[in-house]
């Protein structure tokens, strides 16, 4: 599992399952702290209704994607790199 804390501008918890309480707890803490939560999973996840409540289609407050992670994560990494490079200017 790759996991980063909730203190920065982005938190990532990959290669895990929200069926496990530890991953679900991290997602709940992120939501409670006002951080966006993105769920990338084929099929449903534990407590999904609560985790995706209030997520608009713009992605600003989080996202729910029904795709495999190998399709999504490379694009996410590229987007984060572009965002950080733009901030450095």
Protein backbone atom coordinates (compact mmCIF):
# COMPACT_ATOMS: atom_id res chain seq x y z
CA UNK A 1 0.00 0.00 0.00
CA UNK A 2 1.20 3.49 -0.86
CA UNK A 3 -0.15 6.06 1.56
CA UNK A 4 0.50 9.73 2.23
CA UNK A 5 -0.82 11.72 5.17
CA UNK A 6 -3.60 14.29 5.25
CA UNK A 7 -1.45 17.30 6.12
CA UNK A 8 -0.43 18.27 2.58
CA UNK A 9 -2.42 19.40 -0.40
CA UNK A 10 -3.02 15.87 -1.65
CA UNK A 11 -3.46 12.51 0.01
CA UNK A 12 -3.09 9.24 -1.86
CA UNK A 13 -3.93 5.79 -0.62
CA UNK A 14 -3.49 3.19 -3.34
CA UNK A 15 -3.38 -0.57 -3.72
CA UNK A 16 -5.82 -1.06 -0.93
CA UNK A 17 -9.48 -1.69 -0.41
CA UNK A 18 -12.04 0.48 1.30
CA UNK A 19 -13.42 -2.80 2.61
CA UNK A 20 -10.61 -2.69 5.16
CA UNK A 21 -11.29 -0.41 8.07
CA UNK A 22 -7.90 1.36 7.92
CA UNK A 23 -8.42 2.58 4.35
CA UNK A 24 -12.01 3.56 5.09
CA UNK A 25 -10.86 5.45 8.18
CA UNK A 26 -8.32 7.44 6.10
CA UNK A 27 -11.00 8.38 3.58
CA UNK A 28 -13.40 9.43 6.34
CA UNK A 29 -10.71 11.55 8.01
CA UNK A 30 -9.93 13.26 4.73
CA UNK A 31 -13.62 14.09 4.22
CA UNK A 32 -13.94 15.35 7.80
CA UNK A 33 -10.89 17.61 7.24
CA UNK A 34 -12.55 19.09 4.15
CA UNK A 35 -10.16 17.36 1.75
CA UNK A 36 -11.37 15.99 -1.57
CA UNK A 37 -11.67 12.21 -1.74
CA UNK A 38 -11.37 10.30 -5.01
CA UNK A 39 -12.47 6.70 -5.20
CA UNK A 40 -11.14 4.71 -8.15
CA UNK A 41 -12.60 1.25 -8.19
CA UNK A 42 -14.49 -1.11 -10.43
CA UNK A 43 -17.72 -1.78 -8.58
CA UNK A 44 -18.98 -0.53 -5.25
CA UNK A 45 -17.00 0.21 -2.10
CA UNK A 46 -17.82 0.09 1.58
CA UNK A 47 -19.66 3.19 2.86
CA UNK A 48 -19.66 4.64 -0.66
CA UNK A 49 -22.82 6.72 -0.22
CA UNK A 50 -21.30 8.68 2.67
CA UNK A 51 -17.89 9.05 1.03
CA UNK A 52 -19.21 10.44 -2.25
CA UNK A 53 -21.96 12.62 -0.74
CA UNK A 54 -21.57 16.17 -1.99
CA UNK A 55 -19.13 15.36 -4.77
CA UNK A 56 -20.02 17.48 -7.78
CA UNK A 57 -19.08 16.64 -11.34
CA UNK A 58 -16.31 19.25 -11.40
CA UNK A 59 -13.88 17.13 -9.36
CA UNK A 60 -13.06 19.99 -6.99
CA UNK A 61 -14.50 18.18 -3.97
CA UNK A 62 -13.54 14.68 -5.01
CA UNK A 63 -14.42 12.08 -7.58
CA UNK A 64 -15.89 8.64 -8.03
CA UNK A 65 -14.40 6.77 -10.97
CA UNK A 66 -15.53 3.29 -12.02
CA UNK A 67 -12.29 2.33 -13.80
CA UNK A 68 -9.26 0.21 -13.05
CA UNK A 69 -6.40 2.04 -11.33
CA UNK A 70 -3.87 1.20 -14.05
CA UNK A 71 -5.91 3.42 -16.39
CA UNK A 72 -6.31 6.31 -13.94
CA UNK A 73 -3.12 6.60 -11.87
CA UNK A 74 -0.70 7.52 -14.69
CA UNK A 75 -2.95 10.44 -15.66
CA UNK A 76 -3.23 11.48 -12.00
CA UNK A 77 0.55 11.51 -11.59
CA UNK A 78 0.93 13.62 -14.75
CA UNK A 79 -1.73 16.07 -13.53
CA UNK A 80 -0.06 16.47 -10.12
CA UNK A 81 3.32 17.06 -11.78
CA UNK A 82 1.83 19.73 -14.08
CA UNK A 83 0.09 21.42 -11.15
CA UNK A 84 3.24 21.51 -9.05
CA UNK A 85 5.31 22.80 -11.97
CA UNK A 86 2.77 25.58 -12.55
CA UNK A 87 2.92 26.55 -8.87
CA UNK A 88 6.71 26.74 -9.02
CA UNK A 89 6.61 29.45 -11.72
